[in-house]
Each structure stands twice: as structure tokens, then as C-alpha cells.
Amino acid sequence: MAEPTPEIDPLTQIHVVGGSPTAEQEAAVIAVVAGMLREGGAVEKDTSVDGWARDAREPRESVAGRTWSNPLR
């Protein structure tokens, strides 16, 4: 009897094959494609992530253009 093939995570199969992107650009492209696959229902959302990691990855409100002050000075 043949051994069952392990389930392959489709998100690990995403690769940039053209051009010469930087590591940051390649990571951004992979993240966008993975998000599109999840939103489109092609792959299941990753449920193996613990609560801390899920919270750390949650999008945050932009801080660009804000005025900051330090009341402890």
C-alpha cells in the first residue's frame, strides 16, 4: 500500500519567477497573493497561529502625519 502524501500548504508554493525584486518586494507580493487566495476561498485561513501572533499581525492604524509629544520631559 502506498504511503499517503502529506498535505502541501498551497501558500508555501507561491514564488516570484520574473524580474529582480528585492526581498521586501517579493515578500509583499507573496503576502498579497496569499491574501487574495484566502479571501477568494481557495485556501483555508491559517488557524494554527496563536493569539499573540494573530494580534501582532493585525493591521494597525497609520501613525503618519501625527504630532507626538513627550509629557515626561
C-alpha atoms as a PDB file:
ATOM      1  CA  MET A   1       0.000   0.000   0.000  1.00  0.00           C
ATOM      2  CA  ALA A   2       1.356   3.414  -0.948  1.00  0.00           C
ATOM      3  CA  GLU A   3       2.162   5.941   1.721  1.00  0.00           C
ATOM      4  CA  PRO A   4      -0.319   8.815   1.851  1.00  0.00           C
ATOM      5  CA  THR A   5       1.161  12.032   0.510  1.00  0.00           C
ATOM      6  CA  PRO A   6       1.467  14.729   3.139  1.00  0.00           C
ATOM      7  CA  GLU A   7      -0.825  17.679   2.639  1.00  0.00           C
ATOM      8  CA  ILE A   8       1.053  20.525   0.972  1.00  0.00           C
ATOM      9  CA  ASP A   9       0.231  24.058   2.072  1.00  0.00           C
ATOM     10  CA  PRO A  10      -0.582  25.918  -1.159  1.00  0.00           C
ATOM     11  CA  LEU A  11       0.652  29.194   0.325  1.00  0.00           C
ATOM     12  CA  THR A  12       4.203  27.805   0.503  1.00  0.00           C
ATOM     13  CA  GLN A  13       4.084  27.239  -3.255  1.00  0.00           C
ATOM     14  CA  ILE A  14       3.856  30.965  -4.139  1.00  0.00           C
ATOM     15  CA  HIS A  15       7.073  32.257  -5.723  1.00  0.00           C
ATOM     16  CA  VAL A  16       8.105  35.277  -7.790  1.00  0.00           C
ATOM     17  CA  VAL A  17       9.569  33.979 -11.033  1.00  0.00           C
ATOM     18  CA  GLY A  18      10.160  37.120 -13.086  1.00  0.00           C
ATOM     19  CA  GLY A  19      12.090  40.339 -12.742  1.00  0.00           C
ATOM     20  CA  SER A  20      14.557  41.080  -9.973  1.00  0.00           C
ATOM     21  CA  PRO A  21      12.550  42.147  -6.907  1.00  0.00           C
ATOM     22  CA  THR A  22      14.154  42.938  -3.573  1.00  0.00           C
ATOM     23  CA  ALA A  23      13.433  40.605  -0.667  1.00  0.00           C
ATOM     24  CA  GLU A  24      10.866  43.111   0.670  1.00  0.00           C
ATOM     25  CA  GLN A  25       9.086  43.359  -2.680  1.00  0.00           C
ATOM     26  CA  GLU A  26       8.984  39.586  -3.029  1.00  0.00           C
ATOM     27  CA  ALA A  27       7.564  39.202   0.494  1.00  0.00           C
ATOM     28  CA  ALA A  28       4.922  41.848  -0.259  1.00  0.00           C
ATOM     29  CA  VAL A  29       3.861  40.117  -3.471  1.00  0.00           C
ATOM     30  CA  ILE A  30       3.590  36.756  -1.733  1.00  0.00           C
ATOM     31  CA  ALA A  31       1.541  38.304   1.083  1.00  0.00           C
ATOM     32  CA  VAL A  32      -0.864  39.942  -1.381  1.00  0.00           C
ATOM     33  CA  VAL A  33      -1.357  36.747  -3.386  1.00  0.00           C
ATOM     34  CA  ALA A  34      -1.854  34.709  -0.209  1.00  0.00           C
ATOM     35  CA  GLY A  35      -4.448  37.229   0.979  1.00  0.00           C
ATOM     36  CA  MET A  36      -6.278  37.040  -2.341  1.00  0.00           C
ATOM     37  CA  LEU A  37      -6.322  33.242  -2.175  1.00  0.00           C
ATOM     38  CA  ARG A  38      -7.724  33.318   1.366  1.00  0.00           C
ATOM     39  CA  GLU A  39     -10.358  35.965   0.592  1.00  0.00           C
ATOM     40  CA  GLY A  40     -11.398  34.127  -2.549  1.00  0.00           C
ATOM     41  CA  GLY A  41     -11.854  30.913  -0.591  1.00  0.00           C
ATOM     42  CA  ALA A  42      -9.167  28.990  -2.489  1.00  0.00           C
ATOM     43  CA  VAL A  43      -7.313  28.143   0.744  1.00  0.00           C
ATOM     44  CA  GLU A  44      -8.345  27.928   4.365  1.00  0.00           C
ATOM     45  CA  LYS A  45      -7.361  30.660   6.776  1.00  0.00           C
ATOM     46  CA  ASP A  46      -4.411  29.653   8.971  1.00  0.00           C
ATOM     47  CA  THR A  47      -5.851  28.603  12.326  1.00  0.00           C
ATOM     48  CA  SER A  48      -2.586  27.294  13.771  1.00  0.00           C
ATOM     49  CA  VAL A  49      -1.444  30.797  14.725  1.00  0.00           C
ATOM     50  CA  ASP A  50      -1.646  31.578  18.423  1.00  0.00           C
ATOM     51  CA  GLY A  51      -3.456  34.626  19.763  1.00  0.00           C
ATOM     52  CA  TRP A  52      -0.308  36.707  20.291  1.00  0.00           C
ATOM     53  CA  ALA A  53       0.927  36.198  16.717  1.00  0.00           C
ATOM     54  CA  ARG A  54      -2.547  36.903  15.311  1.00  0.00           C
ATOM     55  CA  ASP A  55      -2.729  40.158  17.293  1.00  0.00           C
ATOM     56  CA  ALA A  56       0.802  41.163  16.263  1.00  0.00           C
ATOM     57  CA  ARG A  57      -0.073  40.674  12.569  1.00  0.00           C
ATOM     58  CA  GLU A  58      -3.346  42.624  12.774  1.00  0.00           C
ATOM     59  CA  PRO A  59      -3.224  45.835  10.713  1.00  0.00           C
ATOM     60  CA  ARG A  60      -2.719  48.950  12.826  1.00  0.00           C
ATOM     61  CA  GLU A  61      -3.925  52.487  12.296  1.00  0.00           C
ATOM     62  CA  SER A  62      -1.352  54.619  10.471  1.00  0.00           C
ATOM     63  CA  VAL A  63       0.727  56.983  12.607  1.00  0.00           C
ATOM     64  CA  ALA A  64       1.992  59.038   9.668  1.00  0.00           C
ATOM     65  CA  GLY A  65       1.451  62.772   9.977  1.00  0.00           C
ATOM     66  CA  ARG A  66       0.594  62.780  13.677  1.00  0.00           C
ATOM     67  CA  THR A  67       2.092  65.157  16.209  1.00  0.00           C
ATOM     68  CA  TRP A  68       3.869  63.439  19.052  1.00  0.00           C
ATOM     69  CA  SER A  69       4.757  64.908  22.415  1.00  0.00           C
ATOM     70  CA  ASN A  70       6.523  63.533  25.459  1.00  0.00           C
ATOM     71  CA  PRO A  71       4.922  64.767  28.697  1.00  0.00           C
ATOM     72  CA  LEU A  72       7.773  63.291  30.745  1.00  0.00           C
ATOM     73  CA  ARG A  73      10.365  65.802  29.524  1.00  0.00           C
END
